[in-house]
């Protein structure tokens, strides 16, 4: 099932949270000279033109990343994220939105490696073009037209013994809510010191509670949850609307990340959703 294309949602509030966290993970890895590897299981096209018909159909970026450019006094994490997008666009205009592959390509150093997986027949060629435009070395940063879950297990443990994994399926296949947890458990057995970022959408809160239960029963340590909501679950139930929040579970986060998100999430909630904004920053399992 490959109907989902992220271009319709590029730059929305879910992307904002996910990419701020991902950027901070990469920046933290770069603080040590030792090389590392990255696996991105659902890469998408890697770069999105916001004037494209698909992006304009929903214009979700207007209620996401676009709101940040009008605000001052940004937390450092948001300022670094906005600076990367501004540099990509060559100024103040917001014409392009970078996906995780572009952020990864910009962060990697000469000795680091990445495997970026995408199965969609339209998005995979676009991912290749994104990497060419970013000037990445094809032997160092590889785009793979493969099942990201299977590739993740096959690539672990990495020779570098350092690295980060981004898992963010669309969840159009409902079984992915459970599959993500099973894949992480397998991956963790092979590479227990890696940092894992698991994105999730809140459409049905019961599924997120099941994910949390699965993680807490997994014997995996050092798990944090960061969530950004634009309305409450109760309002979603009344209106029958779609995604009302999104979040990430982070396993082995940078030691600075929890404090950073305590500052970042309230600011994002107010900037993006105003009085309806909500946020969560919680340690699910200690080290």
C-alpha atoms as a PDB file:
ATOM      1  CA  UNK A   1       0.000   0.000   0.000  1.00  0.00           C
ATOM      2  CA  UNK A   2       1.823   3.082  -1.283  1.00  0.00           C
ATOM      3  CA  UNK A   3      -0.812   5.797  -1.619  1.00  0.00           C
ATOM      4  CA  UNK A   4       0.737   8.123   0.974  1.00  0.00           C
ATOM      5  CA  UNK A   5       2.984  10.964  -0.200  1.00  0.00           C
ATOM      6  CA  UNK A   6       4.407  13.378   2.322  1.00  0.00           C
ATOM      7  CA  UNK A   7       4.369  16.362  -0.036  1.00  0.00           C
ATOM      8  CA  UNK A   8       0.731  16.938   0.998  1.00  0.00           C
ATOM      9  CA  UNK A   9       1.840  17.448   4.601  1.00  0.00           C
ATOM     10  CA  UNK A  10       5.332  18.909   4.289  1.00  0.00           C
ATOM     11  CA  UNK A  11       6.170  21.521   6.899  1.00  0.00           C
ATOM     12  CA  UNK A  12       3.135  20.886   9.086  1.00  0.00           C
ATOM     13  CA  UNK A  13       3.331  21.005  12.876  1.00  0.00           C
ATOM     14  CA  UNK A  14       4.218  17.306  13.021  1.00  0.00           C
ATOM     15  CA  UNK A  15       7.225  17.934  10.785  1.00  0.00           C
ATOM     16  CA  UNK A  16       8.271  20.856  12.951  1.00  0.00           C
ATOM     17  CA  UNK A  17       8.520  18.726  16.086  1.00  0.00           C
ATOM     18  CA  UNK A  18      10.029  15.702  14.356  1.00  0.00           C
ATOM     19  CA  UNK A  19      12.687  17.670  12.520  1.00  0.00           C
ATOM     20  CA  UNK A  20      13.674  19.829  15.480  1.00  0.00           C
ATOM     21  CA  UNK A  21      14.295  16.674  17.500  1.00  0.00           C
ATOM     22  CA  UNK A  22      16.107  14.962  14.619  1.00  0.00           C
ATOM     23  CA  UNK A  23      18.346  17.968  14.025  1.00  0.00           C
ATOM     24  CA  UNK A  24      19.308  18.064  17.705  1.00  0.00           C
ATOM     25  CA  UNK A  25      20.182  14.355  17.643  1.00  0.00           C
ATOM     26  CA  UNK A  26      22.482  14.903  14.651  1.00  0.00           C
ATOM     27  CA  UNK A  27      24.094  17.991  16.183  1.00  0.00           C
ATOM     28  CA  UNK A  28      24.792  16.007  19.336  1.00  0.00           C
ATOM     29  CA  UNK A  29      26.448  13.205  17.368  1.00  0.00           C
ATOM     30  CA  UNK A  30      28.640  15.773  15.651  1.00  0.00           C
ATOM     31  CA  UNK A  31      30.062  16.944  18.966  1.00  0.00           C
ATOM     32  CA  UNK A  32      32.381  13.930  18.964  1.00  0.00           C
ATOM     33  CA  UNK A  33      34.973  13.301  16.275  1.00  0.00           C
ATOM     34  CA  UNK A  34      34.195   9.592  15.986  1.00  0.00           C
ATOM     35  CA  UNK A  35      32.136   8.715  12.889  1.00  0.00           C
ATOM     36  CA  UNK A  36      28.544   7.541  13.084  1.00  0.00           C
ATOM     37  CA  UNK A  37      25.855   6.089  10.850  1.00  0.00           C
ATOM     38  CA  UNK A  38      22.203   6.973  10.214  1.00  0.00           C
ATOM     39  CA  UNK A  39      19.285   4.840   9.085  1.00  0.00           C
ATOM     40  CA  UNK A  40      16.123   6.631   7.915  1.00  0.00           C
ATOM     41  CA  UNK A  41      13.422   4.022   7.336  1.00  0.00           C
ATOM     42  CA  UNK A  42      10.826   6.170   5.527  1.00  0.00           C
ATOM     43  CA  UNK A  43      12.687   9.004   3.834  1.00  0.00           C
ATOM     44  CA  UNK A  44      10.141  10.406   1.406  1.00  0.00           C
ATOM     45  CA  UNK A  45      11.341  12.753  -1.333  1.00  0.00           C
ATOM     46  CA  UNK A  46      13.733  14.582   0.975  1.00  0.00           C
ATOM     47  CA  UNK A  47      12.811  18.040  -0.307  1.00  0.00           C
ATOM     48  CA  UNK A  48       9.422  19.650  -0.965  1.00  0.00           C
ATOM     49  CA  UNK A  49       8.462  22.605  -3.133  1.00  0.00           C
ATOM     50  CA  UNK A  50       5.723  24.381  -1.224  1.00  0.00           C
ATOM     51  CA  UNK A  51       4.315  25.995  -4.354  1.00  0.00           C
ATOM     52  CA  UNK A  52       3.636  22.551  -5.838  1.00  0.00           C
ATOM     53  CA  UNK A  53      -0.017  21.681  -6.393  1.00  0.00           C
ATOM     54  CA  UNK A  54       0.159  18.837  -3.885  1.00  0.00           C
ATOM     55  CA  UNK A  55       1.527  21.025  -1.101  1.00  0.00           C
ATOM     56  CA  UNK A  56      -0.927  23.824  -1.919  1.00  0.00           C
ATOM     57  CA  UNK A  57      -3.870  21.439  -1.829  1.00  0.00           C
ATOM     58  CA  UNK A  58      -3.650  21.215   1.946  1.00  0.00           C
ATOM     59  CA  UNK A  59      -1.201  24.073   2.682  1.00  0.00           C
ATOM     60  CA  UNK A  60      -0.483  22.474   6.032  1.00  0.00           C
ATOM     61  CA  UNK A  61       2.845  24.295   6.229  1.00  0.00           C
ATOM     62  CA  UNK A  62       0.911  27.526   6.785  1.00  0.00           C
ATOM     63  CA  UNK A  63      -0.159  26.204  10.184  1.00  0.00           C
ATOM     64  CA  UNK A  64       3.263  24.734  10.851  1.00  0.00           C
ATOM     65  CA  UNK A  65       6.676  25.992   9.847  1.00  0.00           C
ATOM     66  CA  UNK A  66       5.362  29.251   8.340  1.00  0.00           C
ATOM     67  CA  UNK A  67       4.143  30.413  11.760  1.00  0.00           C
ATOM     68  CA  UNK A  68       7.632  30.239  13.214  1.00  0.00           C
ATOM     69  CA  UNK A  69       9.079  32.847  10.880  1.00  0.00           C
ATOM     70  CA  UNK A  70       6.768  35.511  12.271  1.00  0.00           C
ATOM     71  CA  UNK A  71       7.891  34.941  15.844  1.00  0.00           C
ATOM     72  CA  UNK A  72      10.796  36.368  17.794  1.00  0.00           C
ATOM     73  CA  UNK A  73      12.605  35.176  20.916  1.00  0.00           C
ATOM     74  CA  UNK A  74      12.860  31.633  19.625  1.00  0.00           C
ATOM     75  CA  UNK A  75      14.352  28.893  21.791  1.00  0.00           C
ATOM     76  CA  UNK A  76      17.780  27.876  20.521  1.00  0.00           C
ATOM     77  CA  UNK A  77      16.467  24.623  19.077  1.00  0.00           C
ATOM     78  CA  UNK A  78      13.855  26.445  17.003  1.00  0.00           C
ATOM     79  CA  UNK A  79      16.355  29.102  15.915  1.00  0.00           C
ATOM     80  CA  UNK A  80      18.740  26.413  14.631  1.00  0.00           C
ATOM     81  CA  UNK A  81      15.906  24.709  12.758  1.00  0.00           C
ATOM     82  CA  UNK A  82      14.671  27.966  11.214  1.00  0.00           C
ATOM     83  CA  UNK A  83      18.240  28.940  10.298  1.00  0.00           C
ATOM     84  CA  UNK A  84      18.673  25.697   8.343  1.00  0.00           C
ATOM     85  CA  UNK A  85      15.441  26.297   6.423  1.00  0.00           C
ATOM     86  CA  UNK A  86      16.343  29.938   5.770  1.00  0.00           C
ATOM     87  CA  UNK A  87      19.749  28.915   4.422  1.00  0.00           C
ATOM     88  CA  UNK A  88      18.117  26.345   2.139  1.00  0.00           C
ATOM     89  CA  UNK A  89      15.760  28.983   0.755  1.00  0.00           C
ATOM     90  CA  UNK A  90      18.496  31.563   0.335  1.00  0.00           C
ATOM     91  CA  UNK A  91      16.674  34.255   2.280  1.00  0.00           C
ATOM     92  CA  UNK A  92      13.386  35.018   3.988  1.00  0.00           C
ATOM     93  CA  UNK A  93      11.020  33.478   1.420  1.00  0.00           C
ATOM     94  CA  UNK A  94       9.673  30.042   2.311  1.00  0.00           C
ATOM     95  CA  UNK A  95       9.656  28.177  -0.997  1.00  0.00           C
ATOM     96  CA  UNK A  96      11.189  24.822  -0.077  1.00  0.00           C
ATOM     97  CA  UNK A  97      10.841  22.607   2.944  1.00  0.00           C
ATOM     98  CA  UNK A  98      13.592  20.089   3.784  1.00  0.00           C
ATOM     99  CA  UNK A  99      12.775  16.559   4.830  1.00  0.00           C
ATOM    100  CA  UNK A 100      14.905  14.447   7.130  1.00  0.00           C
ATOM    101  CA  UNK A 101      17.206  13.253   4.278  1.00  0.00           C
ATOM    102  CA  UNK A 102      18.269  16.820   3.551  1.00  0.00           C
ATOM    103  CA  UNK A 103      18.828  17.570   7.230  1.00  0.00           C
ATOM    104  CA  UNK A 104      20.856  14.383   7.528  1.00  0.00           C
ATOM    105  CA  UNK A 105      22.918  15.127   4.431  1.00  0.00           C
ATOM    106  CA  UNK A 106      23.751  18.587   5.745  1.00  0.00           C
ATOM    107  CA  UNK A 107      24.851  17.230   9.116  1.00  0.00           C
ATOM    108  CA  UNK A 108      27.006  14.312   7.991  1.00  0.00           C
ATOM    109  CA  UNK A 109      30.760  14.667   7.882  1.00  0.00           C
ATOM    110  CA  UNK A 110      33.184  12.932   5.536  1.00  0.00           C
ATOM    111  CA  UNK A 111      33.560   9.818   7.691  1.00  0.00           C
ATOM    112  CA  UNK A 112      29.850   9.411   8.524  1.00  0.00           C
ATOM    113  CA  UNK A 113      27.401   7.225   6.598  1.00  0.00           C
ATOM    114  CA  UNK A 114      23.643   7.052   6.002  1.00  0.00           C
ATOM    115  CA  UNK A 115      21.123   4.664   4.512  1.00  0.00           C
ATOM    116  CA  UNK A 116      17.898   6.358   3.406  1.00  0.00           C
ATOM    117  CA  UNK A 117      14.990   4.090   2.487  1.00  0.00           C
ATOM    118  CA  UNK A 118      11.959   4.927   0.355  1.00  0.00           C
ATOM    119  CA  UNK A 119       9.650   2.546  -1.535  1.00  0.00           C
ATOM    120  CA  UNK A 120       7.240   4.953  -3.251  1.00  0.00           C
ATOM    121  CA  UNK A 121       7.872   4.858  -7.048  1.00  0.00           C
ATOM    122  CA  UNK A 122       7.323   8.618  -7.426  1.00  0.00           C
ATOM    123  CA  UNK A 123       9.252   9.728  -4.363  1.00  0.00           C
ATOM    124  CA  UNK A 124      12.315   7.527  -4.730  1.00  0.00           C
ATOM    125  CA  UNK A 125      13.632   9.333  -7.872  1.00  0.00           C
ATOM    126  CA  UNK A 126      12.993  12.636  -6.094  1.00  0.00           C
ATOM    127  CA  UNK A 127      15.013  11.411  -3.120  1.00  0.00           C
ATOM    128  CA  UNK A 128      17.907  10.592  -5.443  1.00  0.00           C
ATOM    129  CA  UNK A 129      17.688  14.103  -6.898  1.00  0.00           C
ATOM    130  CA  UNK A 130      17.617  15.653  -3.421  1.00  0.00           C
ATOM    131  CA  UNK A 131      20.841  13.867  -2.525  1.00  0.00           C
ATOM    132  CA  UNK A 132      22.482  14.915  -5.784  1.00  0.00           C
ATOM    133  CA  UNK A 133      21.468  18.524  -5.186  1.00  0.00           C
ATOM    134  CA  UNK A 134      22.856  18.305  -1.647  1.00  0.00           C
ATOM    135  CA  UNK A 135      26.208  17.169  -3.038  1.00  0.00           C
ATOM    136  CA  UNK A 136      26.292  13.919  -1.093  1.00  0.00           C
ATOM    137  CA  UNK A 137      28.756  11.171  -1.945  1.00  0.00           C
ATOM    138  CA  UNK A 138      26.783   8.144  -3.230  1.00  0.00           C
ATOM    139  CA  UNK A 139      28.990   5.683  -1.368  1.00  0.00           C
ATOM    140  CA  UNK A 140      28.606   7.595   1.891  1.00  0.00           C
ATOM    141  CA  UNK A 141      24.906   8.442   1.688  1.00  0.00           C
ATOM    142  CA  UNK A 142      22.872   5.750  -0.030  1.00  0.00           C
ATOM    143  CA  UNK A 143      19.236   5.947  -1.109  1.00  0.00           C
ATOM    144  CA  UNK A 144      17.692   2.495  -1.105  1.00  0.00           C
ATOM    145  CA  UNK A 145      14.397   1.473  -2.703  1.00  0.00           C
ATOM    146  CA  UNK A 146      13.806  -1.047   0.057  1.00  0.00           C
ATOM    147  CA  UNK A 147      11.520  -1.787   2.985  1.00  0.00           C
ATOM    148  CA  UNK A 148      12.999   0.435   5.677  1.00  0.00           C
ATOM    149  CA  UNK A 149      12.074  -1.896   8.516  1.00  0.00           C
ATOM    150  CA  UNK A 150      13.931  -4.808   6.928  1.00  0.00           C
ATOM    151  CA  UNK A 151      16.901  -2.658   5.951  1.00  0.00           C
ATOM    152  CA  UNK A 152      17.230  -1.313   9.492  1.00  0.00           C
ATOM    153  CA  UNK A 153      17.647  -4.786  10.976  1.00  0.00           C
ATOM    154  CA  UNK A 154      20.044  -5.819   8.209  1.00  0.00           C
ATOM    155  CA  UNK A 155      22.351  -2.825   8.761  1.00  0.00           C
ATOM    156  CA  UNK A 156      22.746  -3.247  12.519  1.00  0.00           C
ATOM    157  CA  UNK A 157      25.017  -3.240  14.375  1.00  0.00           C
ATOM    158  CA  UNK A 158      26.995  -0.594  12.495  1.00  0.00           C
ATOM    159  CA  UNK A 159      30.767  -0.785  12.272  1.00  0.00           C
ATOM    160  CA  UNK A 160      30.976   2.738  13.712  1.00  0.00           C
ATOM    161  CA  UNK A 161      29.246   1.665  16.963  1.00  0.00           C
ATOM    162  CA  UNK A 162      27.603   5.116  17.010  1.00  0.00           C
ATOM    163  CA  UNK A 163      24.493   6.241  15.231  1.00  0.00           C
ATOM    164  CA  UNK A 164      20.870   7.284  15.045  1.00  0.00           C
ATOM    165  CA  UNK A 165      17.733   5.783  13.565  1.00  0.00           C
ATOM    166  CA  UNK A 166      14.647   7.677  12.381  1.00  0.00           C
ATOM    167  CA  UNK A 167      11.449   5.648  12.033  1.00  0.00           C
ATOM    168  CA  UNK A 168       8.456   7.599  10.755  1.00  0.00           C
ATOM    169  CA  UNK A 169       6.040   5.576   8.640  1.00  0.00           C
ATOM    170  CA  UNK A 170       2.778   7.170   7.563  1.00  0.00           C
ATOM    171  CA  UNK A 171       0.785   4.570   9.543  1.00  0.00           C
ATOM    172  CA  UNK A 172      -1.601   4.260   6.588  1.00  0.00           C
ATOM    173  CA  UNK A 173      -1.140   0.563   7.321  1.00  0.00           C
ATOM    174  CA  UNK A 174      -2.598   0.317  10.825  1.00  0.00           C
ATOM    175  CA  UNK A 175      -0.436  -2.702  11.657  1.00  0.00           C
ATOM    176  CA  UNK A 176       2.564  -0.344  11.580  1.00  0.00           C
ATOM    177  CA  UNK A 177       1.718   0.922  15.065  1.00  0.00           C
ATOM    178  CA  UNK A 178       2.624  -2.506  16.406  1.00  0.00           C
ATOM    179  CA  UNK A 179       5.243  -3.299  13.791  1.00  0.00           C
ATOM    180  CA  UNK A 180       7.263  -0.219  14.758  1.00  0.00           C
ATOM    181  CA  UNK A 181       7.569  -1.501  18.322  1.00  0.00           C
ATOM    182  CA  UNK A 182       8.572  -4.991  17.224  1.00  0.00           C
ATOM    183  CA  UNK A 183      11.179  -3.631  14.812  1.00  0.00           C
ATOM    184  CA  UNK A 184      12.633  -1.351  17.483  1.00  0.00           C
ATOM    185  CA  UNK A 185      12.903  -4.251  19.900  1.00  0.00           C
ATOM    186  CA  UNK A 186      14.833  -6.258  17.295  1.00  0.00           C
ATOM    187  CA  UNK A 187      17.033  -3.298  16.406  1.00  0.00           C
ATOM    188  CA  UNK A 188      17.791  -2.529  20.045  1.00  0.00           C
ATOM    189  CA  UNK A 189      19.011  -6.083  20.616  1.00  0.00           C
ATOM    190  CA  UNK A 190      21.560  -5.541  17.834  1.00  0.00           C
ATOM    191  CA  UNK A 191      22.473  -1.942  18.661  1.00  0.00           C
ATOM    192  CA  UNK A 192      21.562  -1.000  22.220  1.00  0.00           C
ATOM    193  CA  UNK A 193      23.638   2.197  22.312  1.00  0.00           C
ATOM    194  CA  UNK A 194      22.082   3.856  19.267  1.00  0.00           C
ATOM    195  CA  UNK A 195      19.622   6.746  19.424  1.00  0.00           C
ATOM    196  CA  UNK A 196      16.177   5.866  18.064  1.00  0.00           C
ATOM    197  CA  UNK A 197      13.565   8.476  17.103  1.00  0.00           C
ATOM    198  CA  UNK A 198      10.088   6.995  16.559  1.00  0.00           C
ATOM    199  CA  UNK A 199       7.487   9.388  15.172  1.00  0.00           C
ATOM    200  CA  UNK A 200       3.765   8.821  15.727  1.00  0.00           C
ATOM    201  CA  UNK A 201       0.492  10.606  14.842  1.00  0.00           C
ATOM    202  CA  UNK A 202      -2.347  10.920  17.331  1.00  0.00           C
ATOM    203  CA  UNK A 203      -5.517   9.988  15.476  1.00  0.00           C
ATOM    204  CA  UNK A 204      -6.653   7.325  17.923  1.00  0.00           C
ATOM    205  CA  UNK A 205      -5.106   7.775  21.382  1.00  0.00           C
ATOM    206  CA  UNK A 206      -5.641   4.095  22.170  1.00  0.00           C
ATOM    207  CA  UNK A 207      -3.021   3.138  19.600  1.00  0.00           C
ATOM    208  CA  UNK A 208      -0.456   5.439  21.214  1.00  0.00           C
ATOM    209  CA  UNK A 209      -1.170   3.957  24.625  1.00  0.00           C
ATOM    210  CA  UNK A 210      -0.583   0.519  23.120  1.00  0.00           C
ATOM    211  CA  UNK A 211       2.749   1.706  21.697  1.00  0.00           C
ATOM    212  CA  UNK A 212       3.759   3.028  25.117  1.00  0.00           C
ATOM    213  CA  UNK A 213       2.798  -0.255  26.771  1.00  0.00           C
ATOM    214  CA  UNK A 214       4.850  -2.155  24.207  1.00  0.00           C
ATOM    215  CA  UNK A 215       7.898   0.019  24.795  1.00  0.00           C
ATOM    216  CA  UNK A 216       7.635  -0.176  28.565  1.00  0.00           C
ATOM    217  CA  UNK A 217       7.386  -3.988  28.412  1.00  0.00           C
ATOM    218  CA  UNK A 218      10.369  -4.280  26.064  1.00  0.00           C
ATOM    219  CA  UNK A 219      13.219  -4.033  28.599  1.00  0.00           C
ATOM    220  CA  UNK A 220      14.535  -1.057  26.623  1.00  0.00           C
ATOM    221  CA  UNK A 221      15.928   1.652  28.880  1.00  0.00           C
ATOM    222  CA  UNK A 222      16.136   5.441  28.618  1.00  0.00           C
ATOM    223  CA  UNK A 223      12.933   6.222  26.706  1.00  0.00           C
ATOM    224  CA  UNK A 224      11.480   9.731  26.470  1.00  0.00           C
ATOM    225  CA  UNK A 225       8.258  11.008  24.906  1.00  0.00           C
ATOM    226  CA  UNK A 226       7.805  14.459  23.374  1.00  0.00           C
ATOM    227  CA  UNK A 227       4.417  15.476  21.981  1.00  0.00           C
ATOM    228  CA  UNK A 228       2.883  18.573  20.402  1.00  0.00           C
ATOM    229  CA  UNK A 229      -0.905  18.934  20.123  1.00  0.00           C
ATOM    230  CA  UNK A 230      -3.054  21.492  18.327  1.00  0.00           C
ATOM    231  CA  UNK A 231      -6.226  20.444  20.144  1.00  0.00           C
ATOM    232  CA  UNK A 232      -7.321  18.041  22.853  1.00  0.00           C
ATOM    233  CA  UNK A 233      -8.256  14.409  22.292  1.00  0.00           C
ATOM    234  CA  UNK A 234     -11.754  15.177  23.605  1.00  0.00           C
ATOM    235  CA  UNK A 235     -12.293  17.804  20.905  1.00  0.00           C
ATOM    236  CA  UNK A 236     -11.113  15.321  18.285  1.00  0.00           C
ATOM    237  CA  UNK A 237     -13.648  12.778  19.502  1.00  0.00           C
ATOM    238  CA  UNK A 238     -16.439  15.368  19.310  1.00  0.00           C
ATOM    239  CA  UNK A 239     -15.544  16.693  15.866  1.00  0.00           C
ATOM    240  CA  UNK A 240     -14.364  13.476  14.239  1.00  0.00           C
ATOM    241  CA  UNK A 241     -11.386  15.361  12.833  1.00  0.00           C
ATOM    242  CA  UNK A 242      -8.093  13.726  11.950  1.00  0.00           C
ATOM    243  CA  UNK A 243      -4.685  14.077  13.576  1.00  0.00           C
ATOM    244  CA  UNK A 244      -4.791  16.352  16.607  1.00  0.00           C
ATOM    245  CA  UNK A 245      -1.267  15.772  17.900  1.00  0.00           C
ATOM    246  CA  UNK A 246       1.962  14.093  16.987  1.00  0.00           C
ATOM    247  CA  UNK A 247       5.005  13.092  18.901  1.00  0.00           C
ATOM    248  CA  UNK A 248       8.217  11.162  19.064  1.00  0.00           C
ATOM    249  CA  UNK A 249       9.547   8.484  21.346  1.00  0.00           C
ATOM    250  CA  UNK A 250      13.299   8.866  21.713  1.00  0.00           C
ATOM    251  CA  UNK A 251      15.448   6.011  22.980  1.00  0.00           C
ATOM    252  CA  UNK A 252      18.889   7.007  24.272  1.00  0.00           C
ATOM    253  CA  UNK A 253      18.315  10.720  23.652  1.00  0.00           C
ATOM    254  CA  UNK A 254      21.158  13.224  23.893  1.00  0.00           C
ATOM    255  CA  UNK A 255      21.546  14.111  27.550  1.00  0.00           C
ATOM    256  CA  UNK A 256      20.577  17.700  26.782  1.00  0.00           C
ATOM    257  CA  UNK A 257      17.400  16.925  24.844  1.00  0.00           C
ATOM    258  CA  UNK A 258      14.861  16.689  27.672  1.00  0.00           C
ATOM    259  CA  UNK A 259      15.800  20.112  29.028  1.00  0.00           C
ATOM    260  CA  UNK A 260      15.771  21.571  25.515  1.00  0.00           C
ATOM    261  CA  UNK A 261      12.290  20.217  24.834  1.00  0.00           C
ATOM    262  CA  UNK A 262      10.988  21.503  28.181  1.00  0.00           C
ATOM    263  CA  UNK A 263      11.787  24.950  26.827  1.00  0.00           C
ATOM    264  CA  UNK A 264      10.877  24.309  23.187  1.00  0.00           C
ATOM    265  CA  UNK A 265       7.520  22.545  23.401  1.00  0.00           C
ATOM    266  CA  UNK A 266       5.570  25.228  25.324  1.00  0.00           C
ATOM    267  CA  UNK A 267       6.842  27.845  22.885  1.00  0.00           C
ATOM    268  CA  UNK A 268       5.852  25.725  19.872  1.00  0.00           C
ATOM    269  CA  UNK A 269       2.411  24.958  21.311  1.00  0.00           C
ATOM    270  CA  UNK A 270       1.664  28.640  21.835  1.00  0.00           C
ATOM    271  CA  UNK A 271       3.203  29.778  18.547  1.00  0.00           C
ATOM    272  CA  UNK A 272       1.427  27.207  16.385  1.00  0.00           C
ATOM    273  CA  UNK A 273      -1.878  26.550  18.158  1.00  0.00           C
ATOM    274  CA  UNK A 274      -2.351  29.419  20.584  1.00  0.00           C
ATOM    275  CA  UNK A 275      -4.684  28.668  23.482  1.00  0.00           C
ATOM    276  CA  UNK A 276      -5.516  25.252  21.989  1.00  0.00           C
ATOM    277  CA  UNK A 277      -1.874  24.160  22.018  1.00  0.00           C
ATOM    278  CA  UNK A 278      -0.754  21.384  24.335  1.00  0.00           C
ATOM    279  CA  UNK A 279       2.510  19.592  24.878  1.00  0.00           C
ATOM    280  CA  UNK A 280       4.075  16.653  26.668  1.00  0.00           C
ATOM    281  CA  UNK A 281       7.634  16.056  27.768  1.00  0.00           C
ATOM    282  CA  UNK A 282       8.003  12.879  29.777  1.00  0.00           C
ATOM    283  CA  UNK A 283      10.555  10.237  30.741  1.00  0.00           C
ATOM    284  CA  UNK A 284       8.830   6.906  30.193  1.00  0.00           C
ATOM    285  CA  UNK A 285      11.700   4.643  31.248  1.00  0.00           C
ATOM    286  CA  UNK A 286      14.856   5.829  33.042  1.00  0.00           C
ATOM    287  CA  UNK A 287      18.379   4.772  32.128  1.00  0.00           C
END
